[in-house]
Amino acid sequence: MVRVSLKYDIDNWINGFIFEGHAGYAELGSDIVCAGISVLSSTTSLALEQLVGLKLEGQADPIEGYLDCNWVNEPDKVAQVHLLVESMLLGLKEIAKQYPKYLEVTWK
């Protein structure tokens, strides 16, 4: 199962997320649940860096199925960050609805 959780800063703004585990829906390389989750996390990370201009920090280990992504919020970019992360959450929630045994998403 993949577990996704959001991180929040002192102002209660989202300032990171963690993806842990493998979906286990199908064999490695054929797992559509894992692929969908990976696309959402990768696209969101790239958009935060390349479109919003945030400096992301964290760790990734694709073999272990781990992504820890963090950033420092800038007041003039919070709305953009929120929109991108909420978009990622929409996709993750839909995957979790269809495949509840394979994905768990937690947020405040």
N, C-alpha and C. Protein backbone atom coordinates (compact mmCIF):
# COMPACT_ATOMS: atom_id res chain seq x y z
N MET A 1 0.84 -1.18 0.00
CA MET A 1 0.00 0.00 0.00
C MET A 1 0.88 1.24 0.00
N VAL A 2 0.44 2.26 -0.74
CA VAL A 2 1.11 3.55 -0.73
C VAL A 2 0.39 4.43 0.29
N ARG A 3 1.17 5.06 1.13
CA ARG A 3 0.62 6.01 2.10
C ARG A 3 1.15 7.39 1.76
N VAL A 4 0.23 8.35 1.64
CA VAL A 4 0.58 9.72 1.31
C VAL A 4 0.13 10.60 2.46
N SER A 5 1.02 11.46 2.92
CA SER A 5 0.65 12.42 3.95
C SER A 5 1.20 13.79 3.60
N LEU A 6 0.48 14.81 4.01
CA LEU A 6 0.89 16.19 3.78
C LEU A 6 1.56 16.75 5.02
N LYS A 7 2.45 17.70 4.81
CA LYS A 7 3.12 18.41 5.91
C LYS A 7 2.65 19.86 5.88
N TYR A 8 2.65 20.48 7.06
CA TYR A 8 2.18 21.86 7.19
C TYR A 8 3.20 22.67 7.98
N ASP A 9 3.33 23.95 7.61
CA ASP A 9 4.22 24.83 8.36
C ASP A 9 3.47 25.48 9.52
N ILE A 10 4.13 26.36 10.22
CA ILE A 10 3.55 26.98 11.40
C ILE A 10 2.31 27.83 11.09
N ASP A 11 2.21 28.31 9.86
CA ASP A 11 1.05 29.09 9.43
C ASP A 11 -0.06 28.21 8.86
N ASN A 12 0.11 26.90 8.98
CA ASN A 12 -0.85 25.90 8.49
C ASN A 12 -0.95 25.87 6.96
N TRP A 13 0.12 26.25 6.30
CA TRP A 13 0.21 26.13 4.85
C TRP A 13 0.92 24.82 4.53
N ILE A 14 0.48 24.16 3.49
CA ILE A 14 1.14 22.92 3.08
C ILE A 14 2.57 23.25 2.66
N ASN A 15 3.52 22.51 3.21
CA ASN A 15 4.92 22.76 2.84
C ASN A 15 5.69 21.46 2.56
N GLY A 16 4.93 20.41 2.21
CA GLY A 16 5.59 19.18 1.84
C GLY A 16 4.63 18.00 1.81
N PHE A 17 5.15 16.90 1.28
CA PHE A 17 4.38 15.66 1.27
C PHE A 17 5.33 14.48 1.30
N ILE A 18 4.81 13.37 1.79
CA ILE A 18 5.57 12.12 1.84
C ILE A 18 4.74 11.03 1.16
N PHE A 19 5.38 10.28 0.28
CA PHE A 19 4.80 9.10 -0.35
C PHE A 19 5.64 7.92 0.13
N GLU A 20 4.99 6.90 0.69
CA GLU A 20 5.71 5.75 1.21
C GLU A 20 5.06 4.46 0.75
N GLY A 21 5.87 3.54 0.27
CA GLY A 21 5.42 2.20 -0.07
C GLY A 21 5.13 1.99 -1.54
N HIS A 22 4.78 0.75 -1.85
CA HIS A 22 4.40 0.35 -3.19
C HIS A 22 2.94 -0.10 -3.16
N ALA A 23 2.23 0.16 -4.22
CA ALA A 23 0.80 -0.18 -4.26
C ALA A 23 0.58 -1.69 -4.14
N GLY A 24 1.33 -2.45 -4.88
CA GLY A 24 1.15 -3.90 -4.84
C GLY A 24 -0.07 -4.38 -5.59
N TYR A 25 -0.58 -3.58 -6.48
CA TYR A 25 -1.76 -3.95 -7.28
C TYR A 25 -1.40 -5.01 -8.32
N ALA A 26 -0.22 -4.86 -8.90
CA ALA A 26 0.23 -5.79 -9.95
C ALA A 26 1.75 -5.90 -9.87
N GLU A 27 2.32 -6.71 -10.73
CA GLU A 27 3.77 -6.88 -10.77
C GLU A 27 4.46 -5.56 -11.10
N LEU A 28 5.67 -5.42 -10.60
CA LEU A 28 6.48 -4.25 -10.89
C LEU A 28 6.56 -4.04 -12.40
N GLY A 29 6.30 -2.84 -12.84
CA GLY A 29 6.30 -2.54 -14.26
C GLY A 29 4.93 -2.63 -14.90
N SER A 30 3.98 -3.25 -14.22
CA SER A 30 2.62 -3.40 -14.74
C SER A 30 1.58 -2.84 -13.77
N ASP A 31 2.03 -2.17 -12.72
CA ASP A 31 1.15 -1.71 -11.66
C ASP A 31 0.56 -0.34 -12.02
N ILE A 32 -0.68 -0.33 -12.50
CA ILE A 32 -1.31 0.92 -12.94
C ILE A 32 -1.60 1.86 -11.76
N VAL A 33 -1.84 1.31 -10.59
CA VAL A 33 -2.08 2.16 -9.43
C VAL A 33 -0.79 2.91 -9.07
N CYS A 34 0.30 2.19 -9.00
CA CYS A 34 1.59 2.80 -8.69
C CYS A 34 1.97 3.83 -9.77
N ALA A 35 1.70 3.50 -11.01
CA ALA A 35 2.03 4.42 -12.11
C ALA A 35 1.24 5.72 -11.98
N GLY A 36 -0.05 5.62 -11.68
CA GLY A 36 -0.87 6.82 -11.52
C GLY A 36 -0.39 7.69 -10.38
N ILE A 37 -0.06 7.06 -9.26
CA ILE A 37 0.43 7.78 -8.09
C ILE A 37 1.77 8.45 -8.42
N SER A 38 2.64 7.74 -9.10
CA SER A 38 3.94 8.29 -9.47
C SER A 38 3.82 9.49 -10.39
N VAL A 39 2.93 9.42 -11.34
CA VAL A 39 2.72 10.54 -12.26
C VAL A 39 2.26 11.77 -11.50
N LEU A 40 1.32 11.59 -10.58
CA LEU A 40 0.81 12.73 -9.81
C LEU A 40 1.90 13.35 -8.94
N SER A 41 2.68 12.52 -8.25
CA SER A 41 3.73 13.07 -7.38
C SER A 41 4.83 13.74 -8.19
N SER A 42 5.23 13.11 -9.29
CA SER A 42 6.30 13.68 -10.12
C SER A 42 5.88 14.98 -10.79
N THR A 43 4.69 15.00 -11.34
CA THR A 43 4.21 16.20 -12.02
C THR A 43 4.05 17.36 -11.05
N THR A 44 3.53 17.07 -9.87
CA THR A 44 3.38 18.12 -8.87
C THR A 44 4.73 18.67 -8.44
N SER A 45 5.69 17.80 -8.19
CA SER A 45 7.03 18.24 -7.80
C SER A 45 7.66 19.11 -8.89
N LEU A 46 7.56 18.66 -10.13
CA LEU A 46 8.11 19.44 -11.25
C LEU A 46 7.42 20.79 -11.38
N ALA A 47 6.11 20.82 -11.24
CA ALA A 47 5.36 22.08 -11.36
C ALA A 47 5.74 23.05 -10.24
N LEU A 48 5.90 22.54 -9.03
CA LEU A 48 6.30 23.41 -7.92
C LEU A 48 7.66 24.04 -8.18
N GLU A 49 8.56 23.27 -8.75
CA GLU A 49 9.90 23.79 -9.07
C GLU A 49 9.89 24.69 -10.29
N GLN A 50 9.38 24.17 -11.40
CA GLN A 50 9.53 24.86 -12.68
C GLN A 50 8.48 25.93 -12.95
N LEU A 51 7.28 25.77 -12.45
CA LEU A 51 6.24 26.76 -12.70
C LEU A 51 6.12 27.79 -11.57
N VAL A 52 6.25 27.32 -10.35
CA VAL A 52 6.11 28.23 -9.20
C VAL A 52 7.46 28.80 -8.80
N GLY A 53 8.53 28.06 -9.03
CA GLY A 53 9.87 28.55 -8.72
C GLY A 53 10.33 28.26 -7.31
N LEU A 54 9.75 27.24 -6.68
CA LEU A 54 10.19 26.86 -5.34
C LEU A 54 11.45 26.01 -5.41
N LYS A 55 12.24 26.08 -4.37
CA LYS A 55 13.40 25.19 -4.23
C LYS A 55 12.94 24.02 -3.36
N LEU A 56 12.85 22.86 -3.97
CA LEU A 56 12.41 21.68 -3.24
C LEU A 56 13.60 20.96 -2.63
N GLU A 57 13.36 20.41 -1.46
CA GLU A 57 14.36 19.60 -0.79
C GLU A 57 13.70 18.29 -0.39
N GLY A 58 14.49 17.27 -0.20
CA GLY A 58 13.92 16.01 0.24
C GLY A 58 14.75 14.84 -0.20
N GLN A 59 14.12 13.69 -0.13
CA GLN A 59 14.78 12.44 -0.47
C GLN A 59 13.83 11.58 -1.29
N ALA A 60 14.42 10.76 -2.14
CA ALA A 60 13.63 9.82 -2.92
C ALA A 60 14.38 8.50 -3.02
N ASP A 61 13.62 7.43 -2.93
CA ASP A 61 14.17 6.09 -3.10
C ASP A 61 13.12 5.26 -3.84
N PRO A 62 13.23 5.20 -5.18
CA PRO A 62 12.21 4.48 -5.96
C PRO A 62 12.15 2.99 -5.65
N ILE A 63 13.24 2.41 -5.24
CA ILE A 63 13.24 0.98 -4.93
C ILE A 63 12.40 0.72 -3.68
N GLU A 64 12.55 1.58 -2.69
CA GLU A 64 11.76 1.45 -1.46
C GLU A 64 10.37 2.07 -1.60
N GLY A 65 10.16 2.84 -2.66
CA GLY A 65 8.87 3.51 -2.82
C GLY A 65 8.73 4.66 -1.85
N TYR A 66 9.71 5.57 -1.85
CA TYR A 66 9.73 6.65 -0.86
C TYR A 66 10.03 7.97 -1.55
N LEU A 67 9.22 8.99 -1.23
CA LEU A 67 9.47 10.35 -1.69
C LEU A 67 9.10 11.29 -0.56
N ASP A 68 10.07 12.07 -0.12
CA ASP A 68 9.86 13.08 0.91
C ASP A 68 10.22 14.41 0.26
N CYS A 69 9.22 15.26 0.07
CA CYS A 69 9.39 16.52 -0.66
C CYS A 69 8.99 17.67 0.26
N ASN A 70 9.89 18.66 0.40
CA ASN A 70 9.67 19.80 1.30
C ASN A 70 10.04 21.10 0.62
N TRP A 71 9.43 22.18 1.07
CA TRP A 71 9.77 23.51 0.58
C TRP A 71 9.44 24.53 1.64
N VAL A 72 10.02 25.71 1.49
CA VAL A 72 9.70 26.85 2.35
C VAL A 72 8.70 27.70 1.58
N ASN A 73 7.57 27.97 2.19
CA ASN A 73 6.54 28.77 1.53
C ASN A 73 6.95 30.24 1.44
N GLU A 74 6.61 30.82 0.33
CA GLU A 74 6.79 32.25 0.13
C GLU A 74 5.38 32.83 0.00
N PRO A 75 5.06 33.88 0.77
CA PRO A 75 3.69 34.39 0.80
C PRO A 75 3.07 34.66 -0.57
N ASP A 76 3.86 35.14 -1.51
CA ASP A 76 3.32 35.46 -2.83
C ASP A 76 3.11 34.23 -3.70
N LYS A 77 3.53 33.05 -3.22
CA LYS A 77 3.39 31.82 -4.01
C LYS A 77 2.45 30.79 -3.37
N VAL A 78 1.92 31.10 -2.20
CA VAL A 78 1.10 30.13 -1.46
C VAL A 78 -0.13 29.71 -2.26
N ALA A 79 -0.79 30.64 -2.93
CA ALA A 79 -2.00 30.30 -3.70
C ALA A 79 -1.66 29.31 -4.82
N GLN A 80 -0.53 29.52 -5.49
CA GLN A 80 -0.12 28.60 -6.55
C GLN A 80 0.21 27.23 -5.99
N VAL A 81 0.93 27.21 -4.88
CA VAL A 81 1.27 25.94 -4.23
C VAL A 81 0.00 25.20 -3.85
N HIS A 82 -0.92 25.91 -3.23
CA HIS A 82 -2.17 25.30 -2.78
C HIS A 82 -2.93 24.69 -3.97
N LEU A 83 -3.01 25.42 -5.07
CA LEU A 83 -3.72 24.92 -6.25
C LEU A 83 -3.07 23.65 -6.79
N LEU A 84 -1.76 23.63 -6.89
CA LEU A 84 -1.07 22.46 -7.43
C LEU A 84 -1.21 21.25 -6.50
N VAL A 85 -1.07 21.46 -5.20
CA VAL A 85 -1.18 20.34 -4.27
C VAL A 85 -2.62 19.84 -4.21
N GLU A 86 -3.59 20.74 -4.23
CA GLU A 86 -5.00 20.32 -4.25
C GLU A 86 -5.32 19.54 -5.52
N SER A 87 -4.73 19.92 -6.63
CA SER A 87 -4.91 19.18 -7.88
C SER A 87 -4.35 17.77 -7.74
N MET A 88 -3.17 17.65 -7.13
CA MET A 88 -2.59 16.33 -6.89
C MET A 88 -3.51 15.51 -6.00
N LEU A 89 -4.05 16.14 -4.94
CA LEU A 89 -4.94 15.44 -4.02
C LEU A 89 -6.21 14.96 -4.70
N LEU A 90 -6.74 15.75 -5.62
CA LEU A 90 -7.94 15.31 -6.37
C LEU A 90 -7.67 13.99 -7.08
N GLY A 91 -6.54 13.93 -7.76
CA GLY A 91 -6.17 12.70 -8.46
C GLY A 91 -5.95 11.54 -7.50
N LEU A 92 -5.26 11.81 -6.40
CA LEU A 92 -4.99 10.75 -5.42
C LEU A 92 -6.28 10.24 -4.78
N LYS A 93 -7.20 11.15 -4.47
CA LYS A 93 -8.48 10.75 -3.87
C LYS A 93 -9.28 9.86 -4.82
N GLU A 94 -9.23 10.16 -6.10
CA GLU A 94 -9.94 9.34 -7.08
C GLU A 94 -9.31 7.95 -7.18
N ILE A 95 -8.00 7.90 -7.18
CA ILE A 95 -7.33 6.59 -7.19
C ILE A 95 -7.71 5.82 -5.92
N ALA A 96 -7.70 6.49 -4.78
CA ALA A 96 -8.03 5.83 -3.51
C ALA A 96 -9.47 5.33 -3.49
N LYS A 97 -10.39 6.06 -4.13
CA LYS A 97 -11.78 5.60 -4.22
C LYS A 97 -11.88 4.30 -5.01
N GLN A 98 -11.15 4.24 -6.12
CA GLN A 98 -11.23 3.08 -7.00
C GLN A 98 -10.39 1.90 -6.50
N TYR A 99 -9.33 2.20 -5.78
CA TYR A 99 -8.40 1.16 -5.32
C TYR A 99 -8.08 1.37 -3.84
N PRO A 100 -9.06 1.30 -2.96
CA PRO A 100 -8.85 1.63 -1.55
C PRO A 100 -7.86 0.73 -0.82
N LYS A 101 -7.63 -0.45 -1.30
CA LYS A 101 -6.66 -1.36 -0.65
C LYS A 101 -5.22 -1.00 -0.97
N TYR A 102 -5.02 -0.08 -1.91
CA TYR A 102 -3.68 0.18 -2.42
C TYR A 102 -3.16 1.60 -2.17
N LEU A 103 -4.03 2.49 -1.68
CA LEU A 103 -3.62 3.87 -1.46
C LEU A 103 -4.36 4.46 -0.27
N GLU A 104 -3.61 5.12 0.60
CA GLU A 104 -4.19 5.82 1.74
C GLU A 104 -3.64 7.25 1.73
N VAL A 105 -4.52 8.24 1.78
CA VAL A 105 -4.11 9.64 1.76
C VAL A 105 -4.59 10.28 3.06
N THR A 106 -3.68 10.96 3.77
CA THR A 106 -4.06 11.67 5.00
C THR A 106 -3.66 13.13 4.89
N TRP A 107 -4.52 13.98 5.36
CA TRP A 107 -4.29 15.41 5.41
C TRP A 107 -5.19 15.97 6.49
N LYS A 108 -4.99 17.22 6.84
CA LYS A 108 -5.82 17.84 7.88
C LYS A 108 -7.20 18.14 7.36
